[in-house]
């Protein structure tokens, strides 16, 4: 079996396993509040795999994470800080996270206007809102003002 055949075989037969690993990787990034080394994560996830298979699985895992789908899936459930989500997909702002959701027909777990409303109602601290969106507290306060008064 050539490496190309191995890549195709592993990616098709193991797509569910790779998706599960991608979600686990993203959640672990959220728990640790940092972007983790994906190769190290793969080695821990699949310790018995040989070098060739581990390489293929690591590439497939990285590709799945790079697609952004597992990232926004975890983020929209409040399990991943916005800054980490943005770093994982190479985004410069939270709008890119919503773009991934939209382009994949995934419903958002929340919108910036909902977050603004929760902060105004006292149901969510501004610091937590900033963490969710991946912006500073000052940017969050500005967002809340703009949402309240679009001409501001």
Protein backbone atom coordinates (compact mmCIF):
# COMPACT_ATOMS: atom_id res chain seq x y z
CA UNK A 1 0.00 0.00 0.00
CA UNK A 2 1.46 3.38 -0.99
CA UNK A 3 1.44 6.38 1.32
CA UNK A 4 -1.28 7.95 -0.87
CA UNK A 5 -3.41 4.83 -0.45
CA UNK A 6 -2.79 4.87 3.29
CA UNK A 7 -3.81 8.53 3.50
CA UNK A 8 -7.04 7.91 1.59
CA UNK A 9 -7.82 4.74 3.57
CA UNK A 10 -7.24 6.33 6.97
CA UNK A 11 -9.10 9.54 6.18
CA UNK A 12 -12.18 7.76 4.89
CA UNK A 13 -12.31 4.84 7.33
CA UNK A 14 -11.39 6.96 10.31
CA UNK A 15 -13.34 10.16 9.63
CA UNK A 16 -15.49 9.71 12.74
CA UNK A 17 -12.43 9.02 14.85
CA UNK A 18 -10.68 12.08 13.43
CA UNK A 19 -13.72 14.30 14.06
CA UNK A 20 -13.89 13.02 17.64
CA UNK A 21 -10.18 13.69 18.11
CA UNK A 22 -10.54 17.19 16.63
CA UNK A 23 -13.34 18.03 19.06
CA UNK A 24 -11.28 16.60 21.95
CA UNK A 25 -8.23 18.62 20.86
CA UNK A 26 -10.23 21.86 20.65
CA UNK A 27 -11.87 21.22 24.03
CA UNK A 28 -8.45 20.57 25.57
CA UNK A 29 -7.22 23.86 24.11
CA UNK A 30 -10.21 25.48 25.81
CA UNK A 31 -9.50 23.81 29.14
CA UNK A 32 -5.86 24.85 29.05
CA UNK A 33 -6.64 28.24 27.52
CA UNK A 34 -3.90 27.84 24.93
CA UNK A 35 -3.28 26.38 21.49
CA UNK A 36 -1.69 23.00 22.09
CA UNK A 37 0.85 21.19 19.95
CA UNK A 38 -1.33 19.10 17.66
CA UNK A 39 1.40 16.52 16.94
CA UNK A 40 1.89 15.91 20.66
CA UNK A 41 -1.86 15.61 21.14
CA UNK A 42 -1.99 13.06 18.29
CA UNK A 43 0.88 11.03 19.81
CA UNK A 44 -1.02 10.87 23.10
CA UNK A 45 -4.30 10.08 21.35
CA UNK A 46 -2.89 7.28 19.18
CA UNK A 47 0.16 5.96 21.09
CA UNK A 48 0.18 2.52 19.45
CA UNK A 49 0.12 3.71 15.84
CA UNK A 50 3.23 3.31 13.73
CA UNK A 51 5.04 6.37 12.39
CA UNK A 52 3.36 6.34 8.97
CA UNK A 53 -0.17 5.92 10.31
CA UNK A 54 0.45 8.47 13.09
CA UNK A 55 1.67 10.96 10.49
CA UNK A 56 -1.45 10.43 8.38
CA UNK A 57 -3.76 10.69 11.39
CA UNK A 58 -1.98 13.84 12.59
CA UNK A 59 -2.34 15.44 9.16
CA UNK A 60 -6.02 14.50 9.05
CA UNK A 61 -6.53 15.86 12.57
CA UNK A 62 -4.81 19.13 11.66
CA UNK A 63 -6.86 19.43 8.47
CA UNK A 64 -10.10 18.91 10.37
CA UNK A 65 -9.15 21.53 12.97
CA UNK A 66 -8.00 23.91 10.20
CA UNK A 67 -11.42 23.61 8.55
CA UNK A 68 -12.74 25.53 11.55
CA UNK A 69 -15.79 23.33 11.98
CA UNK A 70 -14.77 21.64 15.25
CA UNK A 71 -13.43 24.97 16.51
CA UNK A 72 -16.68 26.89 16.05
CA UNK A 73 -18.69 23.89 17.21
CA UNK A 74 -16.91 23.94 20.57
CA UNK A 75 -16.80 27.77 20.74
CA UNK A 76 -20.53 28.18 20.15
CA UNK A 77 -21.15 26.01 23.22
CA UNK A 78 -19.03 28.30 25.43
CA UNK A 79 -16.27 25.70 25.81
CA UNK A 80 -13.54 27.67 24.05
CA UNK A 81 -12.45 31.28 24.58
CA UNK A 82 -12.84 33.43 21.49
CA UNK A 83 -9.14 34.34 21.32
CA UNK A 84 -8.14 30.67 21.27
CA UNK A 85 -10.80 29.90 18.64
CA UNK A 86 -9.49 32.74 16.50
CA UNK A 87 -5.90 31.53 16.84
CA UNK A 88 -6.89 27.98 15.91
CA UNK A 89 -8.39 29.09 12.60
CA UNK A 90 -6.02 32.00 11.95
CA UNK A 91 -8.75 34.62 12.29
CA UNK A 92 -8.29 38.25 13.21
CA UNK A 93 -11.67 38.71 14.88
CA UNK A 94 -14.83 37.04 16.08
CA UNK A 95 -16.66 37.77 12.81
CA UNK A 96 -14.50 35.11 11.14
CA UNK A 97 -15.90 32.56 13.59
CA UNK A 98 -19.43 33.50 12.56
CA UNK A 99 -18.36 33.28 8.92
CA UNK A 100 -17.28 29.64 9.46
CA UNK A 101 -20.62 28.90 11.13
CA UNK A 102 -22.55 30.50 8.29
CA UNK A 103 -20.57 28.91 5.47
CA UNK A 104 -21.17 25.49 7.03
CA UNK A 105 -24.87 26.11 7.78
CA UNK A 106 -24.25 25.77 11.51
CA UNK A 107 -26.51 27.73 13.85
CA UNK A 108 -24.64 30.05 16.21
CA UNK A 109 -24.99 29.40 19.90
CA UNK A 110 -25.21 33.16 20.47
CA UNK A 111 -24.86 36.45 18.64
CA UNK A 112 -22.92 39.54 19.68
CA UNK A 113 -26.21 41.37 20.22
CA UNK A 114 -27.39 38.59 22.56
CA UNK A 115 -24.15 38.81 24.49
CA UNK A 116 -24.56 42.58 24.69
CA UNK A 117 -28.10 42.16 25.99
CA UNK A 118 -26.95 39.62 28.60
CA UNK A 119 -24.31 42.07 29.82
CA UNK A 120 -26.81 44.97 29.95
CA UNK A 121 -29.25 42.76 31.89
CA UNK A 122 -26.52 41.81 34.36
CA UNK A 123 -26.71 38.12 33.42
CA UNK A 124 -23.15 38.05 32.08
CA UNK A 125 -20.09 39.92 33.35
CA UNK A 126 -18.43 42.10 30.72
CA UNK A 127 -15.16 40.19 31.28
CA UNK A 128 -16.81 36.89 30.40
CA UNK A 129 -18.43 38.47 27.34
CA UNK A 130 -15.01 39.70 26.23
CA UNK A 131 -13.57 36.21 26.74
CA UNK A 132 -16.34 34.58 24.72
CA UNK A 133 -15.93 36.93 21.77
CA UNK A 134 -12.15 37.09 22.05
CA UNK A 135 -11.97 40.84 22.41
CA UNK A 136 -10.84 43.22 25.14
CA UNK A 137 -13.17 44.47 27.86
CA UNK A 138 -13.01 47.96 26.32
CA UNK A 139 -13.97 46.56 22.90
CA UNK A 140 -16.84 44.69 24.54
CA UNK A 141 -18.09 47.85 26.22
CA UNK A 142 -17.86 49.69 22.86
CA UNK A 143 -19.80 46.86 21.20
CA UNK A 144 -22.52 47.09 23.85
CA UNK A 145 -22.79 50.85 23.30
CA UNK A 146 -22.99 50.38 19.51
CA UNK A 147 -25.65 47.70 19.89
CA UNK A 148 -27.69 49.95 22.14
CA UNK A 149 -27.17 53.03 19.95
CA UNK A 150 -26.19 52.13 16.36
CA UNK A 151 -25.26 55.78 15.67
CA UNK A 152 -22.64 55.83 18.46
